[in-house]
């Protein structure tokens, strides 16, 4: 389907971290996703992965990631084998992750795994003879989320020289950490918006600056949105705050409302990995700025592209 002169060979490859990808490889994945998008929307049918089975092993709750992987596999004519509830599996009997992976290898052509422990996807790949796709490993990596975020920006705005503000929990959010590294490949101008308690780790900021990326920090969301193309909002996690009053102060300081958006550029796009709480007023959903529900859909063509690539259905 696509020439593979300058990209890595995907067949049987594990998808563990965005740090494994070059810009050329990312561009190839995004171009493949765009080619497959009509199938994701149900406008065309496909049997690209007919006869293939995807094993879905989710050890913690998920809605969008799990369902979009299942939709992606089904749209391409493949089948899904779901672990289901952890409580109903042999894991409750003490089976190790390594043994679970070895067993599932005999049932499927690829595995997608979400696990609360950082490094679990990497560990799974070491015991797997079929591709393992990381759907989130604790505070570690979530590469398919980053890829769908990049695809959303590509479809709704532009990637090269992007001006983007990242707002919310920048200290603990694996989503924004991975996205920053990926955007550095495209020469992004990044503004970080958060309360001081939840600022981006200094090590990440230094890495970005070492890559020649302009990074600004502010606590004012109103100031940040005046000259950016994309506003990426994340949930401020209530559980991080022992003092409820302090949480309310922080959470309300970053709320996105239609009134606030009067200051924004006309073409501003607002993204959010979801689920949201009160950080985006529901009235914003009706504005042309909102694209977070479309962002959730874009996970389907992106994951279709990854599944087709690692299973060798396309190059």
Protein backbone atom coordinates (compact mmCIF):
# COMPACT_ATOMS: atom_id res chain seq x y z
CA UNK A 1 0.00 0.00 0.00
CA UNK A 2 2.80 2.39 0.90
CA UNK A 3 6.52 2.20 0.03
CA UNK A 4 8.72 1.39 3.04
CA UNK A 5 12.00 2.93 1.89
CA UNK A 6 12.65 5.13 4.89
CA UNK A 7 10.51 3.59 7.62
CA UNK A 8 11.01 0.66 9.93
CA UNK A 9 9.54 -2.74 9.10
CA UNK A 10 6.30 -3.00 11.08
CA UNK A 11 5.36 -6.64 10.67
CA UNK A 12 5.57 -8.44 14.05
CA UNK A 13 6.76 -5.21 15.71
CA UNK A 14 5.81 -4.39 19.32
CA UNK A 15 4.28 -0.93 19.89
CA UNK A 16 5.52 0.03 23.35
CA UNK A 17 6.73 3.65 23.43
CA UNK A 18 6.64 6.73 21.20
CA UNK A 19 10.37 7.06 21.78
CA UNK A 20 10.80 4.12 19.38
CA UNK A 21 9.43 6.17 16.44
CA UNK A 22 11.08 8.65 14.09
CA UNK A 23 9.12 11.44 12.46
CA UNK A 24 9.10 9.54 9.14
CA UNK A 25 7.63 6.49 10.85
CA UNK A 26 4.94 8.56 12.58
CA UNK A 27 4.06 10.25 9.29
CA UNK A 28 3.71 6.82 7.68
CA UNK A 29 1.31 5.64 10.39
CA UNK A 30 -0.77 8.81 10.11
CA UNK A 31 -0.92 8.58 6.31
CA UNK A 32 -2.03 4.95 6.59
CA UNK A 33 -4.73 5.96 9.08
CA UNK A 34 -6.03 8.61 6.69
CA UNK A 35 -6.23 6.01 3.91
CA UNK A 36 -8.25 3.73 6.20
CA UNK A 37 -10.51 6.43 7.67
CA UNK A 38 -13.43 5.82 5.25
CA UNK A 39 -13.51 2.22 6.49
CA UNK A 40 -13.47 3.44 10.10
CA UNK A 41 -16.49 5.63 9.30
CA UNK A 42 -18.36 2.69 7.77
CA UNK A 43 -18.33 4.22 4.28
CA UNK A 44 -16.35 1.25 2.94
CA UNK A 45 -15.96 -2.33 4.08
CA UNK A 46 -12.72 -4.28 4.36
CA UNK A 47 -11.51 -7.83 4.94
CA UNK A 48 -7.89 -6.75 5.36
CA UNK A 49 -7.58 -8.66 8.65
CA UNK A 50 -10.02 -11.48 7.90
CA UNK A 51 -8.97 -14.63 9.74
CA UNK A 52 -6.84 -12.64 12.22
CA UNK A 53 -7.57 -12.47 15.96
CA UNK A 54 -6.74 -9.64 18.36
CA UNK A 55 -6.47 -10.54 22.06
CA UNK A 56 -7.61 -7.67 24.31
CA UNK A 57 -6.07 -7.85 27.79
CA UNK A 58 -7.21 -4.93 29.94
CA UNK A 59 -6.22 -5.16 33.59
CA UNK A 60 -7.79 -1.79 34.44
CA UNK A 61 -10.96 0.02 33.27
CA UNK A 62 -11.18 1.63 29.83
CA UNK A 63 -13.92 2.79 27.49
CA UNK A 64 -12.45 4.61 24.48
CA UNK A 65 -9.17 2.71 24.13
CA UNK A 66 -10.72 -0.75 24.49
CA UNK A 67 -13.75 -0.09 22.29
CA UNK A 68 -11.76 1.70 19.58
CA UNK A 69 -9.32 -1.21 19.33
CA UNK A 70 -12.26 -3.62 19.08
CA UNK A 71 -13.96 -1.41 16.49
CA UNK A 72 -10.72 -1.13 14.51
CA UNK A 73 -10.26 -4.90 14.38
CA UNK A 74 -13.90 -5.53 13.50
CA UNK A 75 -13.97 -2.86 10.77
CA UNK A 76 -11.01 -4.62 9.12
CA UNK A 77 -12.79 -7.97 9.12
CA UNK A 78 -10.90 -9.50 12.04
CA UNK A 79 -12.07 -11.00 15.33
CA UNK A 80 -11.58 -9.98 18.95
CA UNK A 81 -10.82 -12.25 21.88
CA UNK A 82 -11.46 -10.37 25.12
CA UNK A 83 -9.98 -11.33 28.49
CA UNK A 84 -13.04 -9.82 30.12
CA UNK A 85 -13.12 -9.25 33.86
CA UNK A 86 -9.80 -9.86 35.59
CA UNK A 87 -11.76 -11.32 38.51
CA UNK A 88 -13.09 -14.06 36.22
CA UNK A 89 -9.65 -15.03 34.86
CA UNK A 90 -6.82 -17.27 36.08
CA UNK A 91 -4.97 -14.15 37.23
CA UNK A 92 -6.98 -14.37 40.46
CA UNK A 93 -5.42 -17.81 40.97
CA UNK A 94 -1.94 -16.31 40.88
CA UNK A 95 -1.05 -16.70 37.21
CA UNK A 96 1.83 -14.41 36.24
CA UNK A 97 1.63 -11.90 33.41
CA UNK A 98 4.38 -13.81 31.59
CA UNK A 99 2.38 -17.04 31.68
CA UNK A 100 -0.80 -15.27 30.58
CA UNK A 101 1.04 -13.83 27.57
CA UNK A 102 2.55 -17.22 26.66
CA UNK A 103 -0.91 -18.82 26.75
CA UNK A 104 -2.60 -16.06 24.72
CA UNK A 105 0.14 -16.36 22.07
CA UNK A 106 -1.49 -19.61 21.03
CA UNK A 107 -4.89 -18.00 20.53
CA UNK A 108 -4.27 -14.75 18.64
CA UNK A 109 -2.22 -12.85 16.06
CA UNK A 110 -1.62 -9.76 18.22
CA UNK A 111 -2.18 -8.58 21.79
CA UNK A 112 -3.29 -5.19 23.05
CA UNK A 113 -2.64 -4.73 26.77
CA UNK A 114 -3.51 -2.13 29.41
CA UNK A 115 -2.05 -2.63 32.84
CA UNK A 116 -1.71 -0.40 35.93
CA UNK A 117 1.96 -1.26 36.44
CA UNK A 118 4.56 0.80 34.57
CA UNK A 119 6.74 -1.39 32.36
CA UNK A 120 4.15 -4.16 32.06
CA UNK A 121 3.76 -3.82 28.28
CA UNK A 122 7.53 -4.04 27.82
CA UNK A 123 7.59 -7.13 30.03
CA UNK A 124 4.74 -8.69 28.03
CA UNK A 125 6.63 -8.12 24.78
CA UNK A 126 9.61 -10.06 26.15
CA UNK A 127 7.47 -13.18 26.52
CA UNK A 128 5.44 -12.79 23.32
CA UNK A 129 6.06 -14.19 19.86
CA UNK A 130 3.24 -12.04 18.44
CA UNK A 131 3.02 -8.21 18.39
CA UNK A 132 2.16 -6.50 21.68
CA UNK A 133 0.52 -3.05 21.55
CA UNK A 134 0.71 -0.95 24.69
CA UNK A 135 -2.67 0.58 25.55
CA UNK A 136 -1.33 2.24 28.71
CA UNK A 137 0.99 0.99 31.44
CA UNK A 138 0.39 2.97 34.61
CA UNK A 139 2.29 6.23 34.59
CA UNK A 140 4.49 4.96 31.74
CA UNK A 141 3.50 5.09 28.08
CA UNK A 142 0.34 5.24 25.99
CA UNK A 143 1.68 5.42 22.42
CA UNK A 144 -1.60 4.86 20.58
CA UNK A 145 -3.16 7.82 22.44
CA UNK A 146 -0.28 10.01 21.32
CA UNK A 147 -0.65 8.84 17.73
CA UNK A 148 -4.38 9.56 17.68
CA UNK A 149 -3.67 12.99 19.19
CA UNK A 150 -1.18 13.71 16.41
CA UNK A 151 -3.68 12.47 13.84
CA UNK A 152 -6.36 14.76 15.29
CA UNK A 153 -4.03 17.76 15.06
CA UNK A 154 -3.09 16.80 11.49
CA UNK A 155 -6.76 16.52 10.44
CA UNK A 156 -8.16 19.47 12.39
CA UNK A 157 -5.22 21.92 12.27
CA UNK A 158 -1.58 21.38 11.24
CA UNK A 159 1.47 19.68 12.70
CA UNK A 160 4.49 21.63 11.45
CA UNK A 161 5.22 24.69 13.58
CA UNK A 162 2.11 24.13 15.68
CA UNK A 163 1.38 26.57 18.51
CA UNK A 164 -0.16 24.50 21.29
CA UNK A 165 -1.15 25.05 24.92
CA UNK A 166 -1.25 22.03 27.23
CA UNK A 167 -3.43 22.67 30.27
CA UNK A 168 -4.27 20.72 33.43
CA UNK A 169 -2.36 17.99 35.21
CA UNK A 170 1.04 18.23 33.53
CA UNK A 171 2.94 16.57 36.38
CA UNK A 172 1.36 13.13 36.36
CA UNK A 173 -0.28 13.01 32.92
CA UNK A 174 1.43 10.39 30.74
CA UNK A 175 -0.65 11.64 27.79
CA UNK A 176 0.89 15.12 27.72
CA UNK A 177 4.40 13.84 28.45
CA UNK A 178 4.38 11.58 25.38
CA UNK A 179 2.66 14.20 23.25
CA UNK A 180 5.34 16.80 24.05
CA UNK A 181 8.12 14.49 22.88
CA UNK A 182 6.24 13.67 19.68
CA UNK A 183 5.46 17.32 18.92
CA UNK A 184 9.13 18.18 19.33
CA UNK A 185 9.69 16.28 16.06
CA UNK A 186 7.49 18.86 14.31
CA UNK A 187 9.00 22.06 15.75
CA UNK A 188 6.04 22.90 17.97
CA UNK A 189 5.81 26.01 20.15
CA UNK A 190 4.53 24.75 23.50
CA UNK A 191 2.83 26.70 26.30
CA UNK A 192 2.31 24.83 29.57
CA UNK A 193 -0.67 25.90 31.69
CA UNK A 194 -1.05 24.48 35.18
CA UNK A 195 -1.14 25.36 38.86
CA UNK A 196 2.31 25.27 40.40
CA UNK A 197 1.48 21.98 42.15
CA UNK A 198 0.98 20.22 38.80
CA UNK A 199 3.68 21.72 36.60
CA UNK A 200 5.46 19.68 33.92
CA UNK A 201 8.52 17.91 35.36
CA UNK A 202 11.68 19.95 34.84
CA UNK A 203 13.44 16.99 33.22
CA UNK A 204 10.89 16.94 30.39
CA UNK A 205 11.10 20.71 29.88
CA UNK A 206 14.88 20.48 29.69
CA UNK A 207 14.66 17.65 27.14
CA UNK A 208 12.33 19.74 25.01
CA UNK A 209 14.57 22.81 25.19
CA UNK A 210 17.59 20.66 24.32
CA UNK A 211 15.67 19.69 21.18
CA UNK A 212 15.28 23.37 20.29
CA UNK A 213 11.63 23.62 21.32
CA UNK A 214 10.29 26.91 22.67
CA UNK A 215 8.53 26.24 26.00
CA UNK A 216 6.55 28.80 28.00
CA UNK A 217 4.90 28.30 31.40
CA UNK A 218 1.93 30.16 32.88
CA UNK A 219 -0.92 29.69 35.35
CA UNK A 220 -3.31 31.81 33.25
CA UNK A 221 -5.43 29.91 30.76
CA UNK A 222 -6.84 33.18 29.42
CA UNK A 223 -3.37 34.43 28.55
CA UNK A 224 -2.36 31.13 26.95
CA UNK A 225 -5.23 30.75 24.48
CA UNK A 226 -4.80 34.12 22.80
CA UNK A 227 -2.26 32.98 20.23
CA UNK A 228 -2.38 29.18 19.97
CA UNK A 229 -3.76 26.86 17.30
CA UNK A 230 -4.65 24.02 19.67
CA UNK A 231 -5.61 23.88 23.34
CA UNK A 232 -5.09 20.41 24.82
CA UNK A 233 -6.93 20.07 28.13
CA UNK A 234 -6.45 17.27 30.67
CA UNK A 235 -8.39 16.37 33.78
CA UNK A 236 -7.02 17.61 37.08
CA UNK A 237 -7.14 14.50 39.23
CA UNK A 238 -9.11 15.09 42.41
CA UNK A 239 -7.44 12.15 44.09
CA UNK A 240 -4.09 14.00 44.07
CA UNK A 241 -5.40 16.58 46.57
CA UNK A 242 -5.95 15.69 50.24
CA UNK A 243 -7.58 19.11 50.73
CA UNK A 244 -10.90 19.36 48.84
CA UNK A 245 -10.90 23.17 48.99
CA UNK A 246 -7.47 23.29 47.39
CA UNK A 247 -8.65 20.97 44.62
CA UNK A 248 -11.67 23.18 43.93
CA UNK A 249 -9.44 26.27 43.71
CA UNK A 250 -7.10 24.60 41.23
CA UNK A 251 -9.80 22.91 39.17
CA UNK A 252 -11.91 26.04 38.76
CA UNK A 253 -8.88 28.12 37.77
CA UNK A 254 -8.53 26.19 34.50
CA UNK A 255 -12.15 25.81 33.44
CA UNK A 256 -12.80 26.38 29.73
CA UNK A 257 -16.01 28.33 29.06
CA UNK A 258 -17.55 30.02 25.99
CA UNK A 259 -16.89 33.36 27.69
CA UNK A 260 -13.19 32.56 27.96
CA UNK A 261 -13.04 31.56 24.30
CA UNK A 262 -13.89 35.09 23.19
CA UNK A 263 -10.15 35.73 23.61
CA UNK A 264 -9.15 32.78 21.41
CA UNK A 265 -8.01 32.67 17.81
CA UNK A 266 -10.96 31.95 15.44
CA UNK A 267 -9.41 28.67 14.32
CA UNK A 268 -8.56 27.36 17.79
CA UNK A 269 -9.26 23.65 18.29
CA UNK A 270 -9.83 22.21 21.75
CA UNK A 271 -8.76 18.65 22.49
CA UNK A 272 -9.19 16.42 25.53
CA UNK A 273 -8.26 12.72 25.96
CA UNK A 274 -11.46 12.20 28.00
CA UNK A 275 -13.11 11.50 30.36
CA UNK A 276 -13.67 15.07 31.47
CA UNK A 277 -15.17 16.38 34.67
CA UNK A 278 -15.73 20.15 35.00
CA UNK A 279 -12.64 21.42 33.16
CA UNK A 280 -14.60 22.02 29.93
CA UNK A 281 -18.03 23.60 30.22
CA UNK A 282 -20.57 21.54 28.25
CA UNK A 283 -21.62 24.69 26.37
CA UNK A 284 -18.22 24.55 24.66
CA UNK A 285 -19.37 21.32 22.94
CA UNK A 286 -21.60 23.42 20.69
CA UNK A 287 -18.80 25.71 19.48
CA UNK A 288 -16.65 25.15 16.40
CA UNK A 289 -13.62 24.97 18.68
CA UNK A 290 -14.56 21.61 20.21
CA UNK A 291 -13.05 18.52 18.59
CA UNK A 292 -12.61 16.12 21.51
CA UNK A 293 -15.40 13.77 20.45
CA UNK A 294 -13.97 13.61 16.93
CA UNK A 295 -10.59 13.05 18.61
CA UNK A 296 -12.06 9.97 20.32
CA UNK A 297 -13.26 8.67 16.93
CA UNK A 298 -9.84 9.20 15.35
CA UNK A 299 -8.56 6.46 17.62
CA UNK A 300 -10.29 3.97 15.30
CA UNK A 301 -8.42 4.70 12.02
CA UNK A 302 -5.12 5.12 13.89
CA UNK A 303 -5.50 1.77 15.64
CA UNK A 304 -6.66 0.20 12.38
CA UNK A 305 -3.42 1.38 10.78
CA UNK A 306 -1.30 -0.03 13.61
CA UNK A 307 -3.07 -3.39 13.62
CA UNK A 308 -2.81 -3.76 9.84
CA UNK A 309 0.87 -2.80 9.92
CA UNK A 310 1.99 -5.09 12.74
CA UNK A 311 0.00 -8.02 11.35
CA UNK A 312 1.65 -7.59 7.98
CA UNK A 313 -1.53 -6.83 6.03
CA UNK A 314 0.05 -3.64 4.64
CA UNK A 315 3.57 -2.18 4.59
